[in-house]
Amino acid sequence: MSEERALTAEELFDEVGLGYEKAFGHLPEQLAAVDWLLDRLPRGARVLDVGSGTGRPVAELLDRAGHAVTGIDVSGTMVDLARRQVPGARFERCDVREFTGPEGGFDAVCAFFPLLMMDRAGAADALRRMTSWLKPGGLLVSATVPADVEDVEIVWMGHRARVSSFSAEEFVRLLREECGLDVLHQAVSEFRPDGPSAVPEEQLFCYARRP
């Protein structure tokens, strides 16, 4: 595929495929977030994984624990991989901004880095939509790359893309004030993905509950 322009999210993740799992599938803070969630979910909980990628590790761990997992991703390649790798979960090719989740239908929502290729308004609206899909007392575990940027072009995993994000403080404010969530945990860490050209990146992980 030509690299004369920045790729869309669908094009980008179609291109990286299993390379994403290799680079990011062992992220310690993500595994810790899933462990935290598993300790608090009721038996047979309904969980939505937004930006489910290859299905590993998040959907796989939740499915293995006996939960009913629905994963959504804009990349058809990722959805095909996830269906093969985690046959016990259900995966759908869908943008979170178009997903018609049931109001209050999920015990938990996982959202690990799915918002970075949206503009800020779209990302904030997606967070509000995810909150609406949680049952009262439902849990949101999320992660982003904290940065005060809007529509900036970068090179990521060898491909050009345009990204937007929020500072850590603004992301937490959105969860609390715009979404009405109780933020139970927030922490910024640094992670170096696998790969010869990989560079460390800051990551913000948040755990929150819908009152």
C-alpha atoms as a PDB file:
ATOM      1  CA  MET A   1       0.000   0.000   0.000  1.00  0.00           C
ATOM      2  CA  SER A   2       1.317   3.460  -0.865  1.00  0.00           C
ATOM      3  CA  GLU A   3       2.667   5.522   2.041  1.00  0.00           C
ATOM      4  CA  GLU A   4       2.123   8.866   0.252  1.00  0.00           C
ATOM      5  CA  ARG A   5      -0.651   9.673   2.708  1.00  0.00           C
ATOM      6  CA  ALA A   6      -1.510   8.875   6.291  1.00  0.00           C
ATOM      7  CA  LEU A   7      -3.549   5.691   6.642  1.00  0.00           C
ATOM      8  CA  THR A   8      -6.999   5.452   8.158  1.00  0.00           C
ATOM      9  CA  ALA A   9      -7.393   3.326  11.292  1.00  0.00           C
ATOM     10  CA  GLU A  10      -8.905   0.520   9.222  1.00  0.00           C
ATOM     11  CA  GLU A  11      -6.066   0.591   6.705  1.00  0.00           C
ATOM     12  CA  LEU A  12      -3.388   0.828   9.379  1.00  0.00           C
ATOM     13  CA  PHE A  13      -4.545  -2.156  11.413  1.00  0.00           C
ATOM     14  CA  ASP A  14      -5.235  -4.192   8.289  1.00  0.00           C
ATOM     15  CA  GLU A  15      -1.556  -3.638   7.493  1.00  0.00           C
ATOM     16  CA  VAL A  16      -0.016  -4.392  10.894  1.00  0.00           C
ATOM     17  CA  GLY A  17      -2.147  -7.486  11.650  1.00  0.00           C
ATOM     18  CA  LEU A  18      -0.366  -9.946  13.941  1.00  0.00           C
ATOM     19  CA  GLY A  19       2.573  -7.549  14.135  1.00  0.00           C
ATOM     20  CA  TYR A  20       0.531  -5.528  16.618  1.00  0.00           C
ATOM     21  CA  GLU A  21       0.087  -8.541  18.886  1.00  0.00           C
ATOM     22  CA  LYS A  22       3.820  -9.252  18.738  1.00  0.00           C
ATOM     23  CA  ALA A  23       4.699  -5.669  19.614  1.00  0.00           C
ATOM     24  CA  PHE A  24       2.062  -4.971  22.292  1.00  0.00           C
ATOM     25  CA  GLY A  25       0.576  -8.317  23.405  1.00  0.00           C
ATOM     26  CA  HIS A  26       2.711  -8.577  26.541  1.00  0.00           C
ATOM     27  CA  LEU A  27       2.037  -5.101  27.924  1.00  0.00           C
ATOM     28  CA  PRO A  28       2.292  -5.512  31.743  1.00  0.00           C
ATOM     29  CA  GLU A  29      -0.143  -2.732  32.670  1.00  0.00           C
ATOM     30  CA  GLN A  30      -2.767  -4.094  30.287  1.00  0.00           C
ATOM     31  CA  LEU A  31      -2.454  -7.574  31.769  1.00  0.00           C
ATOM     32  CA  ALA A  32      -2.715  -6.048  35.257  1.00  0.00           C
ATOM     33  CA  ALA A  33      -5.873  -4.164  34.216  1.00  0.00           C
ATOM     34  CA  VAL A  34      -7.491  -7.364  32.955  1.00  0.00           C
ATOM     35  CA  ASP A  35      -6.529  -9.166  36.185  1.00  0.00           C
ATOM     36  CA  TRP A  36      -8.087  -6.312  38.176  1.00  0.00           C
ATOM     37  CA  LEU A  37     -11.266  -6.626  36.133  1.00  0.00           C
ATOM     38  CA  LEU A  38     -11.430 -10.420  36.441  1.00  0.00           C
ATOM     39  CA  ASP A  39     -11.256 -10.121  40.227  1.00  0.00           C
ATOM     40  CA  ARG A  40     -14.415  -7.966  40.211  1.00  0.00           C
ATOM     41  CA  LEU A  41     -16.673  -9.371  37.511  1.00  0.00           C
ATOM     42  CA  PRO A  42     -19.690 -11.528  38.371  1.00  0.00           C
ATOM     43  CA  ARG A  43     -19.790 -15.036  36.950  1.00  0.00           C
ATOM     44  CA  GLY A  44     -20.634 -15.087  33.240  1.00  0.00           C
ATOM     45  CA  ALA A  45     -20.367 -11.307  32.903  1.00  0.00           C
ATOM     46  CA  ARG A  46     -21.059  -9.561  29.604  1.00  0.00           C
ATOM     47  CA  VAL A  47     -17.958  -7.642  28.501  1.00  0.00           C
ATOM     48  CA  LEU A  48     -17.398  -5.392  25.486  1.00  0.00           C
ATOM     49  CA  ASP A  49     -13.840  -5.100  24.152  1.00  0.00           C
ATOM     50  CA  VAL A  50     -13.565  -1.921  22.066  1.00  0.00           C
ATOM     51  CA  GLY A  51     -10.727  -2.093  19.559  1.00  0.00           C
ATOM     52  CA  SER A  52     -10.371  -5.821  20.178  1.00  0.00           C
ATOM     53  CA  GLY A  53      -7.529  -6.302  17.694  1.00  0.00           C
ATOM     54  CA  THR A  54      -6.339  -9.896  17.318  1.00  0.00           C
ATOM     55  CA  GLY A  55      -8.345 -10.960  20.383  1.00  0.00           C
ATOM     56  CA  ARG A  56      -5.184 -11.456  22.410  1.00  0.00           C
ATOM     57  CA  PRO A  57      -4.618 -10.978  25.211  1.00  0.00           C
ATOM     58  CA  VAL A  58      -7.803  -9.231  26.401  1.00  0.00           C
ATOM     59  CA  ALA A  59     -10.711 -11.138  24.852  1.00  0.00           C
ATOM     60  CA  GLU A  60      -8.861 -14.431  25.219  1.00  0.00           C
ATOM     61  CA  LEU A  61      -8.313 -13.967  28.958  1.00  0.00           C
ATOM     62  CA  LEU A  62     -11.918 -12.875  29.552  1.00  0.00           C
ATOM     63  CA  ASP A  63     -13.314 -15.736  27.467  1.00  0.00           C
ATOM     64  CA  ARG A  64     -11.086 -18.253  29.241  1.00  0.00           C
ATOM     65  CA  ALA A  65     -12.511 -17.042  32.566  1.00  0.00           C
ATOM     66  CA  GLY A  66     -16.048 -17.870  31.397  1.00  0.00           C
ATOM     67  CA  HIS A  67     -17.324 -14.418  30.466  1.00  0.00           C
ATOM     68  CA  ALA A  68     -19.456 -13.531  27.429  1.00  0.00           C
ATOM     69  CA  VAL A  69     -17.172 -11.347  25.325  1.00  0.00           C
ATOM     70  CA  THR A  70     -18.095  -9.144  22.379  1.00  0.00           C
ATOM     71  CA  GLY A  71     -15.216  -7.518  20.524  1.00  0.00           C
ATOM     72  CA  ILE A  72     -15.500  -4.703  17.991  1.00  0.00           C
ATOM     73  CA  ASP A  73     -12.788  -3.392  15.669  1.00  0.00           C
ATOM     74  CA  VAL A  74     -12.691  -1.295  12.500  1.00  0.00           C
ATOM     75  CA  SER A  75     -10.158  -3.630  10.866  1.00  0.00           C
ATOM     76  CA  GLY A  76     -11.493  -6.623   8.981  1.00  0.00           C
ATOM     77  CA  THR A  77      -8.073  -8.266   9.221  1.00  0.00           C
ATOM     78  CA  MET A  78      -8.100  -7.928  12.999  1.00  0.00           C
ATOM     79  CA  VAL A  79     -11.641  -9.300  13.276  1.00  0.00           C
ATOM     80  CA  ASP A  80     -10.729 -12.327  11.146  1.00  0.00           C
ATOM     81  CA  LEU A  81      -7.654 -12.996  13.283  1.00  0.00           C
ATOM     82  CA  ALA A  82      -9.639 -12.621  16.512  1.00  0.00           C
ATOM     83  CA  ARG A  83     -12.349 -15.024  15.354  1.00  0.00           C
ATOM     84  CA  ARG A  84      -9.711 -17.654  14.622  1.00  0.00           C
ATOM     85  CA  GLN A  85      -7.711 -17.101  17.793  1.00  0.00           C
ATOM     86  CA  VAL A  86     -10.586 -16.701  20.269  1.00  0.00           C
ATOM     87  CA  PRO A  87     -13.486 -18.767  18.862  1.00  0.00           C
ATOM     88  CA  GLY A  88     -15.413 -18.600  22.141  1.00  0.00           C
ATOM     89  CA  ALA A  89     -15.936 -14.834  21.860  1.00  0.00           C
ATOM     90  CA  ARG A  90     -17.995 -12.878  19.305  1.00  0.00           C
ATOM     91  CA  PHE A  91     -16.262 -10.316  17.106  1.00  0.00           C
ATOM     92  CA  GLU A  92     -17.820  -7.679  14.901  1.00  0.00           C
ATOM     93  CA  ARG A  93     -16.279  -5.331  12.341  1.00  0.00           C
ATOM     94  CA  CYS A  94     -17.588  -2.017  13.582  1.00  0.00           C
ATOM     95  CA  ASP A  95     -16.504   1.491  14.551  1.00  0.00           C
ATOM     96  CA  VAL A  96     -17.286   2.291  18.197  1.00  0.00           C
ATOM     97  CA  ARG A  97     -18.953   5.490  16.978  1.00  0.00           C
ATOM     98  CA  GLU A  98     -21.478   3.383  15.050  1.00  0.00           C
ATOM     99  CA  PHE A  99     -21.894   0.429  17.407  1.00  0.00           C
ATOM    100  CA  THR A 100     -25.432   0.133  18.765  1.00  0.00           C
ATOM    101  CA  GLY A 101     -24.622  -1.266  22.170  1.00  0.00           C
ATOM    102  CA  PRO A 102     -27.539  -1.993  24.509  1.00  0.00           C
ATOM    103  CA  GLU A 103     -28.098   0.740  27.084  1.00  0.00           C
ATOM    104  CA  GLY A 104     -26.786  -0.612  30.378  1.00  0.00           C
ATOM    105  CA  GLY A 105     -26.173  -3.987  28.749  1.00  0.00           C
ATOM    106  CA  PHE A 106     -22.578  -4.725  29.794  1.00  0.00           C
ATOM    107  CA  ASP A 107     -20.950  -5.484  33.119  1.00  0.00           C
ATOM    108  CA  ALA A 108     -17.674  -4.070  31.807  1.00  0.00           C
ATOM    109  CA  VAL A 109     -16.121  -2.320  28.839  1.00  0.00           C
ATOM    110  CA  CYS A 110     -12.445  -2.597  27.901  1.00  0.00           C
ATOM    111  CA  ALA A 111     -11.042   0.239  25.789  1.00  0.00           C
ATOM    112  CA  PHE A 112      -7.294  -0.146  25.344  1.00  0.00           C
ATOM    113  CA  PHE A 113      -6.035   2.533  22.925  1.00  0.00           C
ATOM    114  CA  PRO A 114      -9.027   2.617  20.499  1.00  0.00           C
ATOM    115  CA  LEU A 115      -9.484   6.401  20.389  1.00  0.00           C
ATOM    116  CA  LEU A 116      -6.151   7.739  19.171  1.00  0.00           C
ATOM    117  CA  MET A 117      -7.055   7.975  15.482  1.00  0.00           C
ATOM    118  CA  MET A 118     -10.280   9.891  16.135  1.00  0.00           C
ATOM    119  CA  ASP A 119     -10.530  13.632  16.562  1.00  0.00           C
ATOM    120  CA  ARG A 120     -10.978  14.816  20.127  1.00  0.00           C
ATOM    121  CA  ALA A 121     -14.709  15.440  19.813  1.00  0.00           C
ATOM    122  CA  GLY A 122     -15.234  11.932  18.438  1.00  0.00           C
ATOM    123  CA  ALA A 123     -13.100  10.382  21.163  1.00  0.00           C
ATOM    124  CA  ALA A 124     -14.969  12.208  23.927  1.00  0.00           C
ATOM    125  CA  ASP A 125     -18.301  11.141  22.441  1.00  0.00           C
ATOM    126  CA  ALA A 126     -17.079   7.536  22.203  1.00  0.00           C
ATOM    127  CA  LEU A 127     -16.223   7.578  25.917  1.00  0.00           C
ATOM    128  CA  ARG A 128     -19.718   8.836  26.732  1.00  0.00           C
ATOM    129  CA  ARG A 129     -21.236   6.104  24.537  1.00  0.00           C
ATOM    130  CA  MET A 130     -19.160   3.415  26.247  1.00  0.00           C
ATOM    131  CA  THR A 131     -20.317   4.677  29.633  1.00  0.00           C
ATOM    132  CA  SER A 132     -23.963   4.415  28.541  1.00  0.00           C
ATOM    133  CA  TRP A 133     -23.465   0.722  27.735  1.00  0.00           C
ATOM    134  CA  LEU A 134     -22.388  -0.050  31.308  1.00  0.00           C
ATOM    135  CA  LYS A 135     -24.812  -1.329  33.899  1.00  0.00           C
ATOM    136  CA  PRO A 136     -24.952   0.678  37.133  1.00  0.00           C
ATOM    137  CA  GLY A 137     -21.838  -0.438  38.964  1.00  0.00           C
ATOM    138  CA  GLY A 138     -20.272  -1.565  35.675  1.00  0.00           C
ATOM    139  CA  LEU A 139     -16.550  -1.129  35.127  1.00  0.00           C
ATOM    140  CA  LEU A 140     -14.546   0.629  32.426  1.00  0.00           C
ATOM    141  CA  VAL A 141     -10.854  -0.217  32.037  1.00  0.00           C
ATOM    142  CA  SER A 142      -9.156   2.038  29.527  1.00  0.00           C
ATOM    143  CA  ALA A 143      -5.780   3.133  28.246  1.00  0.00           C
ATOM    144  CA  THR A 144      -4.468   5.866  25.981  1.00  0.00           C
ATOM    145  CA  VAL A 145      -1.243   7.614  25.088  1.00  0.00           C
ATOM    146  CA  PRO A 146      -1.506  10.876  27.030  1.00  0.00           C
ATOM    147  CA  ALA A 147      -0.596  13.849  24.866  1.00  0.00           C
ATOM    148  CA  ASP A 148      -2.073  17.280  24.273  1.00  0.00           C
ATOM    149  CA  VAL A 149      -2.278  16.887  20.475  1.00  0.00           C
ATOM    150  CA  GLU A 150      -4.890  17.276  17.728  1.00  0.00           C
ATOM    151  CA  ASP A 151      -4.588  15.789  14.215  1.00  0.00           C
ATOM    152  CA  VAL A 152      -0.809  15.289  14.307  1.00  0.00           C
ATOM    153  CA  GLU A 153       0.919  13.088  11.736  1.00  0.00           C
ATOM    154  CA  ILE A 154       3.242  10.407  13.110  1.00  0.00           C
ATOM    155  CA  VAL A 155       5.006   7.275  11.879  1.00  0.00           C
ATOM    156  CA  TRP A 156       3.887   4.232  13.890  1.00  0.00           C
ATOM    157  CA  MET A 157       5.003   0.664  13.208  1.00  0.00           C
ATOM    158  CA  GLY A 158       6.413   1.857   9.887  1.00  0.00           C
ATOM    159  CA  HIS A 159       3.207   3.552   8.696  1.00  0.00           C
ATOM    160  CA  ARG A 160       2.038   7.150   8.568  1.00  0.00           C
ATOM    161  CA  ALA A 161      -1.048   7.987  10.609  1.00  0.00           C
ATOM    162  CA  ARG A 162      -2.811  11.024  12.023  1.00  0.00           C
ATOM    163  CA  VAL A 163      -3.550  11.017  15.741  1.00  0.00           C
ATOM    164  CA  SER A 164      -5.214  13.101  18.427  1.00  0.00           C
ATOM    165  CA  SER A 165      -5.179  12.656  22.174  1.00  0.00           C
ATOM    166  CA  PHE A 166      -5.665  14.300  25.565  1.00  0.00           C
ATOM    167  CA  SER A 167      -3.307  15.052  28.396  1.00  0.00           C
ATOM    168  CA  ALA A 168      -3.569  12.643  31.312  1.00  0.00           C
ATOM    169  CA  GLU A 169      -5.369  15.288  33.359  1.00  0.00           C
ATOM    170  CA  GLU A 170      -7.901  16.000  30.622  1.00  0.00           C
ATOM    171  CA  PHE A 171      -8.580  12.325  29.950  1.00  0.00           C
ATOM    172  CA  VAL A 172      -9.323  11.726  33.640  1.00  0.00           C
ATOM    173  CA  ARG A 173     -11.499  14.858  33.699  1.00  0.00           C
ATOM    174  CA  LEU A 174     -13.493  13.511  30.756  1.00  0.00           C
ATOM    175  CA  LEU A 175     -14.109  10.247  32.592  1.00  0.00           C
ATOM    176  CA  ARG A 176     -15.211  12.055  35.761  1.00  0.00           C
ATOM    177  CA  GLU A 177     -17.058  15.121  34.512  1.00  0.00           C
ATOM    178  CA  GLU A 178     -18.241  14.248  30.995  1.00  0.00           C
ATOM    179  CA  CYS A 179     -18.980  10.565  31.610  1.00  0.00           C
ATOM    180  CA  GLY A 180     -19.906  10.756  35.297  1.00  0.00           C
ATOM    181  CA  LEU A 181     -17.651   7.838  36.252  1.00  0.00           C
ATOM    182  CA  ASP A 182     -15.921   7.209  39.551  1.00  0.00           C
ATOM    183  CA  VAL A 183     -12.220   6.948  38.674  1.00  0.00           C
ATOM    184  CA  LEU A 184     -10.734   4.290  40.929  1.00  0.00           C
ATOM    185  CA  HIS A 185      -7.209   4.149  39.533  1.00  0.00           C
ATOM    186  CA  GLN A 186      -5.036   6.215  37.207  1.00  0.00           C
ATOM    187  CA  ALA A 187      -1.360   5.746  36.431  1.00  0.00           C
ATOM    188  CA  VAL A 188       1.076   6.782  33.728  1.00  0.00           C
ATOM    189  CA  SER A 189       3.803   4.317  32.791  1.00  0.00           C
ATOM    190  CA  GLU A 190       6.306   3.795  29.998  1.00  0.00           C
ATOM    191  CA  PHE A 191       6.409   0.824  27.643  1.00  0.00           C
ATOM    192  CA  ARG A 192       8.808  -0.133  24.842  1.00  0.00           C
ATOM    193  CA  PRO A 193       7.079  -2.321  22.223  1.00  0.00           C
ATOM    194  CA  ASP A 194       8.941  -5.199  20.602  1.00  0.00           C
ATOM    195  CA  GLY A 195      10.543  -4.328  17.279  1.00  0.00           C
ATOM    196  CA  PRO A 196      13.851  -2.989  15.959  1.00  0.00           C
ATOM    197  CA  SER A 197      12.589   0.572  15.447  1.00  0.00           C
ATOM    198  CA  ALA A 198      10.305   0.720  18.492  1.00  0.00           C
ATOM    199  CA  VAL A 199      10.655   3.620  20.894  1.00  0.00           C
ATOM    200  CA  PRO A 200       9.270   3.918  24.437  1.00  0.00           C
ATOM    201  CA  GLU A 201       5.851   5.525  24.784  1.00  0.00           C
ATOM    202  CA  GLU A 202       3.971   6.896  27.752  1.00  0.00           C
ATOM    203  CA  GLN A 203       0.675   5.176  28.507  1.00  0.00           C
ATOM    204  CA  LEU A 204      -2.174   6.146  30.820  1.00  0.00           C
ATOM    205  CA  PHE A 205      -4.293   3.374  32.353  1.00  0.00           C
ATOM    206  CA  CYS A 206      -7.545   4.161  34.159  1.00  0.00           C
ATOM    207  CA  TYR A 207     -10.047   1.972  35.997  1.00  0.00           C
ATOM    208  CA  ALA A 208     -13.487   3.474  36.574  1.00  0.00           C
ATOM    209  CA  ARG A 209     -16.990   2.512  37.737  1.00  0.00           C
ATOM    210  CA  ARG A 210     -20.403   3.762  36.652  1.00  0.00           C
ATOM    211  CA  PRO A 211     -22.298   4.849  39.795  1.00  0.00           C
END
